[in-house]
Amino acid sequence: MTPTATLDVDLIVKIKDKGWERRQLPADATTTLCRDNPADDIEAFYLVLSNHSMDIQGALGGSFSLGTNAEACT
């Protein structure tokens, strides 16, 4: 999604055996979470994409993708 300067990406995650937490993610880079890592063993999540621009010229456009991989992380 562009422009990334006005995009906020937040992931609200429920980590296994822990509570909910908010993670602010970079809008201009790929993020990888590895469930093999106990800190990333996510049971549930909410992905929040928001536009913090007050100017119509900063309107967001484009798309995003979310995927999974069955292979173990290293």
C-alpha atoms as a PDB file:
ATOM      1  CA  MET A   1       0.000   0.000   0.000  1.00  0.00           C
ATOM      2  CA  THR A   2       1.217   3.498  -0.725  1.00  0.00           C
ATOM      3  CA  PRO A   3       2.202   6.014   0.382  1.00  0.00           C
ATOM      4  CA  THR A   4       3.949   4.149   3.202  1.00  0.00           C
ATOM      5  CA  ALA A   5       4.666   7.469   4.948  1.00  0.00           C
ATOM      6  CA  THR A   6       0.990   7.702   5.961  1.00  0.00           C
ATOM      7  CA  LEU A   7       0.411   3.983   6.621  1.00  0.00           C
ATOM      8  CA  ASP A   8       0.462   2.534  10.130  1.00  0.00           C
ATOM      9  CA  VAL A   9       0.584  -1.245  10.499  1.00  0.00           C
ATOM     10  CA  ASP A  10      -0.255  -2.758  13.858  1.00  0.00           C
ATOM     11  CA  LEU A  11      -0.599  -6.411  14.751  1.00  0.00           C
ATOM     12  CA  ILE A  12      -2.547  -7.236  17.895  1.00  0.00           C
ATOM     13  CA  VAL A  13      -1.410 -10.755  18.797  1.00  0.00           C
ATOM     14  CA  LYS A  14      -2.314 -13.403  21.348  1.00  0.00           C
ATOM     15  CA  ILE A  15       0.848 -15.333  22.137  1.00  0.00           C
ATOM     16  CA  LYS A  16       0.434 -18.918  23.362  1.00  0.00           C
ATOM     17  CA  ASP A  17       0.344 -19.050  27.185  1.00  0.00           C
ATOM     18  CA  LYS A  18       0.550 -15.236  27.370  1.00  0.00           C
ATOM     19  CA  GLY A  19      -1.732 -12.259  26.967  1.00  0.00           C
ATOM     20  CA  TRP A  20      -2.452  -9.951  24.076  1.00  0.00           C
ATOM     21  CA  GLU A  21       0.185  -7.501  22.859  1.00  0.00           C
ATOM     22  CA  ARG A  22       0.479  -4.804  20.221  1.00  0.00           C
ATOM     23  CA  ARG A  23       3.290  -4.896  17.685  1.00  0.00           C
ATOM     24  CA  GLN A  24       3.964  -1.942  15.430  1.00  0.00           C
ATOM     25  CA  LEU A  25       5.258  -3.241  12.105  1.00  0.00           C
ATOM     26  CA  PRO A  26       7.191  -1.442   9.368  1.00  0.00           C
ATOM     27  CA  ALA A  27       4.967  -0.361   6.481  1.00  0.00           C
ATOM     28  CA  ASP A  28       7.768  -0.555   3.933  1.00  0.00           C
ATOM     29  CA  ALA A  29       9.265  -3.973   4.699  1.00  0.00           C
ATOM     30  CA  THR A  30       8.276  -7.623   4.959  1.00  0.00           C
ATOM     31  CA  THR A  31       7.653  -8.979   8.443  1.00  0.00           C
ATOM     32  CA  THR A  32       8.129 -12.667   9.224  1.00  0.00           C
ATOM     33  CA  LEU A  33       6.815 -14.272  12.392  1.00  0.00           C
ATOM     34  CA  CYS A  34       8.022 -17.744  13.313  1.00  0.00           C
ATOM     35  CA  ARG A  35       5.764 -19.903  15.476  1.00  0.00           C
ATOM     36  CA  ASP A  36       8.821 -22.073  16.269  1.00  0.00           C
ATOM     37  CA  ASN A  37       9.970 -19.129  18.381  1.00  0.00           C
ATOM     38  CA  PRO A  38       7.968 -18.992  21.665  1.00  0.00           C
ATOM     39  CA  ALA A  39       7.831 -15.169  21.443  1.00  0.00           C
ATOM     40  CA  ASP A  40       6.042 -15.489  18.073  1.00  0.00           C
ATOM     41  CA  ASP A  41       3.820 -18.531  18.784  1.00  0.00           C
ATOM     42  CA  ILE A  42       0.645 -16.687  17.796  1.00  0.00           C
ATOM     43  CA  GLU A  43      -2.738 -18.228  18.591  1.00  0.00           C
ATOM     44  CA  ALA A  44      -4.846 -15.339  17.250  1.00  0.00           C
ATOM     45  CA  PHE A  45      -4.287 -11.888  15.760  1.00  0.00           C
ATOM     46  CA  TYR A  46      -5.905  -8.743  14.425  1.00  0.00           C
ATOM     47  CA  LEU A  47      -4.138  -6.889  11.626  1.00  0.00           C
ATOM     48  CA  VAL A  48      -4.854  -3.151  11.723  1.00  0.00           C
ATOM     49  CA  LEU A  49      -3.983  -0.993   8.698  1.00  0.00           C
ATOM     50  CA  SER A  50      -4.624   2.707   9.198  1.00  0.00           C
ATOM     51  CA  ASN A  51      -3.980   5.971   7.412  1.00  0.00           C
ATOM     52  CA  HIS A  52      -2.819   8.712   9.766  1.00  0.00           C
ATOM     53  CA  SER A  53      -2.871  11.433   7.099  1.00  0.00           C
ATOM     54  CA  MET A  54      -5.412  14.240   7.540  1.00  0.00           C
ATOM     55  CA  ASP A  55      -4.822  15.380   3.943  1.00  0.00           C
ATOM     56  CA  ILE A  56      -6.808  13.844   1.067  1.00  0.00           C
ATOM     57  CA  GLN A  57      -3.573  13.845  -0.958  1.00  0.00           C
ATOM     58  CA  GLY A  58      -2.228  11.291   1.534  1.00  0.00           C
ATOM     59  CA  ALA A  59      -4.996   8.787   0.785  1.00  0.00           C
ATOM     60  CA  LEU A  60      -3.796   5.192   0.775  1.00  0.00           C
ATOM     61  CA  GLY A  61      -4.019   2.974  -2.273  1.00  0.00           C
ATOM     62  CA  GLY A  62      -2.880  -0.432  -3.371  1.00  0.00           C
ATOM     63  CA  SER A  63      -3.014  -3.820  -1.718  1.00  0.00           C
ATOM     64  CA  PHE A  64      -1.273  -5.966   0.874  1.00  0.00           C
ATOM     65  CA  SER A  65      -0.743  -9.689   1.194  1.00  0.00           C
ATOM     66  CA  LEU A  66      -0.611 -12.064   4.101  1.00  0.00           C
ATOM     67  CA  GLY A  67       0.679 -15.599   3.750  1.00  0.00           C
ATOM     68  CA  THR A  68       1.679 -18.678   5.680  1.00  0.00           C
ATOM     69  CA  ASN A  69       4.410 -21.211   5.224  1.00  0.00           C
ATOM     70  CA  ALA A  70       4.315 -24.780   6.569  1.00  0.00           C
ATOM     71  CA  GLU A  71       8.115 -25.019   6.656  1.00  0.00           C
ATOM     72  CA  ALA A  72      10.002 -24.528   9.920  1.00  0.00           C
ATOM     73  CA  CYS A  73      11.808 -21.226  10.470  1.00  0.00           C
ATOM     74  CA  THR A  74      15.522 -20.994  11.039  1.00  0.00           C
END
